[in-house]
Amino acid sequence: MLKQQRELFFGLIRIHVLVHASHEPIFGLAMMEELKHHGYRIGPGTLYPLLHGLERGGLLKSSLKNVGGRKRRVYKITAVGRRALDKAREKVDELHQELHEEHPRKISPPGDISTTSR
């Protein structure tokens, strides 16, 4: 993924993580596979710092679990994470509407910016 795309999509990736953590406990490898399903190619060097950052921010809580004889760090969403996800859902819905509007709301007063400079 190009650096510009990665930066643009990084917020969406965080939202994906919170969505999945709101439905079930998640762990890194499974989350990488799920993100790949959505077209995001994200490696452990990017995903694990993202998960740790979400945990430091109080949005996720992790614990070590024994899964199939291996210890895995498993993440669950917190109450703060659920509230943040609810807000994100509102903002994504709003953005989705704006992305699909034929004529988005004008943000500049008429005559301030030339429409020929695009």
Protein backbone atom coordinates (compact mmCIF):
# COMPACT_ATOMS: atom_id res chain seq x y z
CA MET A 1 0.00 0.00 0.00
CA LEU A 2 1.39 3.41 -0.87
CA LYS A 3 2.36 5.62 2.06
CA GLN A 4 -0.33 8.20 1.19
CA GLN A 5 -2.99 5.48 1.01
CA ARG A 6 -1.79 3.93 4.26
CA GLU A 7 -2.12 7.26 6.06
CA LEU A 8 -5.53 7.87 4.49
CA PHE A 9 -6.83 4.41 5.42
CA PHE A 10 -5.25 4.16 8.87
CA GLY A 11 -8.35 5.57 10.59
CA LEU A 12 -10.56 3.12 8.71
CA ILE A 13 -8.33 0.24 9.81
CA ARG A 14 -8.71 1.33 13.45
CA ILE A 15 -12.49 1.38 13.00
CA HIS A 16 -12.39 -2.13 11.48
CA VAL A 17 -10.44 -3.34 14.51
CA LEU A 18 -12.95 -1.80 16.92
CA VAL A 19 -15.90 -3.23 14.99
CA HIS A 20 -14.51 -6.75 15.20
CA ALA A 21 -13.45 -6.34 18.84
CA SER A 22 -17.00 -5.23 19.64
CA HIS A 23 -18.32 -8.60 18.41
CA GLU A 24 -15.67 -10.99 19.73
CA PRO A 25 -12.20 -11.07 21.26
CA ILE A 26 -9.56 -10.57 18.55
CA PHE A 27 -5.88 -11.34 18.14
CA GLY A 28 -3.30 -9.97 15.73
CA LEU A 29 -2.92 -12.74 13.15
CA ALA A 30 -6.68 -13.18 12.72
CA MET A 31 -7.11 -9.42 12.44
CA MET A 32 -4.43 -9.23 9.73
CA GLU A 33 -6.33 -11.90 7.78
CA GLU A 34 -9.62 -10.07 8.24
CA LEU A 35 -8.11 -6.78 7.09
CA LYS A 36 -6.61 -8.57 4.08
CA HIS A 37 -10.15 -9.71 3.22
CA HIS A 38 -11.08 -6.01 3.02
CA GLY A 39 -8.12 -5.21 0.78
CA TYR A 40 -5.74 -3.87 3.44
CA ARG A 41 -2.28 -5.43 3.37
CA ILE A 42 -1.01 -4.71 6.85
CA GLY A 43 1.89 -6.48 8.51
CA PRO A 44 2.64 -7.18 12.16
CA GLY A 45 5.02 -4.20 12.35
CA THR A 46 2.04 -1.93 11.66
CA LEU A 47 -0.84 -3.84 13.26
CA TYR A 48 0.67 -4.58 16.67
CA PRO A 49 1.65 -0.96 17.36
CA LEU A 50 -1.88 0.02 16.27
CA LEU A 51 -3.39 -2.49 18.74
CA HIS A 52 -1.05 -1.30 21.51
CA GLY A 53 -2.00 2.31 20.77
CA LEU A 54 -5.72 1.48 20.96
CA GLU A 55 -5.05 -0.22 24.28
CA ARG A 56 -3.02 2.73 25.62
CA GLY A 57 -5.91 4.97 24.57
CA GLY A 58 -8.31 2.86 26.63
CA LEU A 59 -10.29 1.61 23.61
CA LEU A 60 -9.12 -2.01 23.90
CA LYS A 61 -8.05 -4.20 26.81
CA SER A 62 -5.77 -7.18 26.31
CA SER A 63 -5.04 -10.35 28.20
CA LEU A 64 -2.92 -13.43 27.58
CA LYS A 65 -4.93 -16.54 26.75
CA ASN A 66 -3.89 -20.09 26.08
CA VAL A 67 -5.22 -20.88 22.59
CA GLY A 68 -4.39 -24.28 21.13
CA GLY A 69 -1.42 -24.69 23.45
CA ARG A 70 -0.02 -21.25 22.53
CA LYS A 71 -0.21 -18.03 24.46
CA ARG A 72 -1.96 -15.29 22.51
CA ARG A 73 -2.60 -11.69 23.40
CA VAL A 74 -6.35 -11.28 22.96
CA TYR A 75 -8.05 -7.89 22.75
CA LYS A 76 -11.57 -6.92 23.82
CA ILE A 77 -13.28 -3.59 23.34
CA THR A 78 -13.79 -1.43 26.44
CA ALA A 79 -16.75 0.80 27.33
CA VAL A 80 -14.68 3.78 26.13
CA GLY A 81 -14.00 1.87 22.91
CA ARG A 82 -17.73 1.22 22.40
CA ARG A 83 -18.52 4.91 22.82
CA ALA A 84 -15.75 5.84 20.38
CA LEU A 85 -17.05 3.25 17.90
CA ASP A 86 -20.58 4.66 18.19
CA LYS A 87 -19.23 8.15 17.40
CA ALA A 88 -17.13 6.78 14.54
CA ARG A 89 -20.20 5.02 13.14
CA GLU A 90 -22.05 8.38 13.06
CA LYS A 91 -19.12 10.09 11.34
CA VAL A 92 -18.68 7.28 8.80
CA ASP A 93 -22.41 7.40 7.97
CA GLU A 94 -22.16 11.17 7.47
CA LEU A 95 -19.05 10.80 5.29
CA HIS A 96 -20.69 8.03 3.28
CA GLN A 97 -23.62 10.32 2.48
CA GLU A 98 -21.28 13.13 1.45
CA LEU A 99 -19.15 10.82 -0.71
CA HIS A 100 -22.23 9.82 -2.68
CA GLU A 101 -23.89 13.22 -2.99
CA GLU A 102 -24.08 14.45 -6.55
CA HIS A 103 -23.66 18.06 -5.43
CA PRO A 104 -21.92 18.33 -2.03
CA ARG A 105 -22.60 21.39 0.09
CA LYS A 106 -20.53 24.40 -1.02
CA ILE A 107 -17.90 25.43 1.52
CA SER A 108 -16.59 28.64 -0.08
CA PRO A 109 -18.53 31.87 -0.55
CA PRO A 110 -19.40 32.50 -4.23
CA GLY A 111 -16.63 34.28 -6.12
CA ASP A 112 -13.86 33.50 -3.59
CA ILE A 113 -12.27 30.63 -5.49
CA SER A 114 -12.15 30.23 -9.25
CA THR A 115 -13.84 27.03 -10.38
CA THR A 116 -11.47 26.96 -13.37
CA SER A 117 -8.40 26.29 -11.18
CA ARG A 118 -9.30 22.62 -10.61
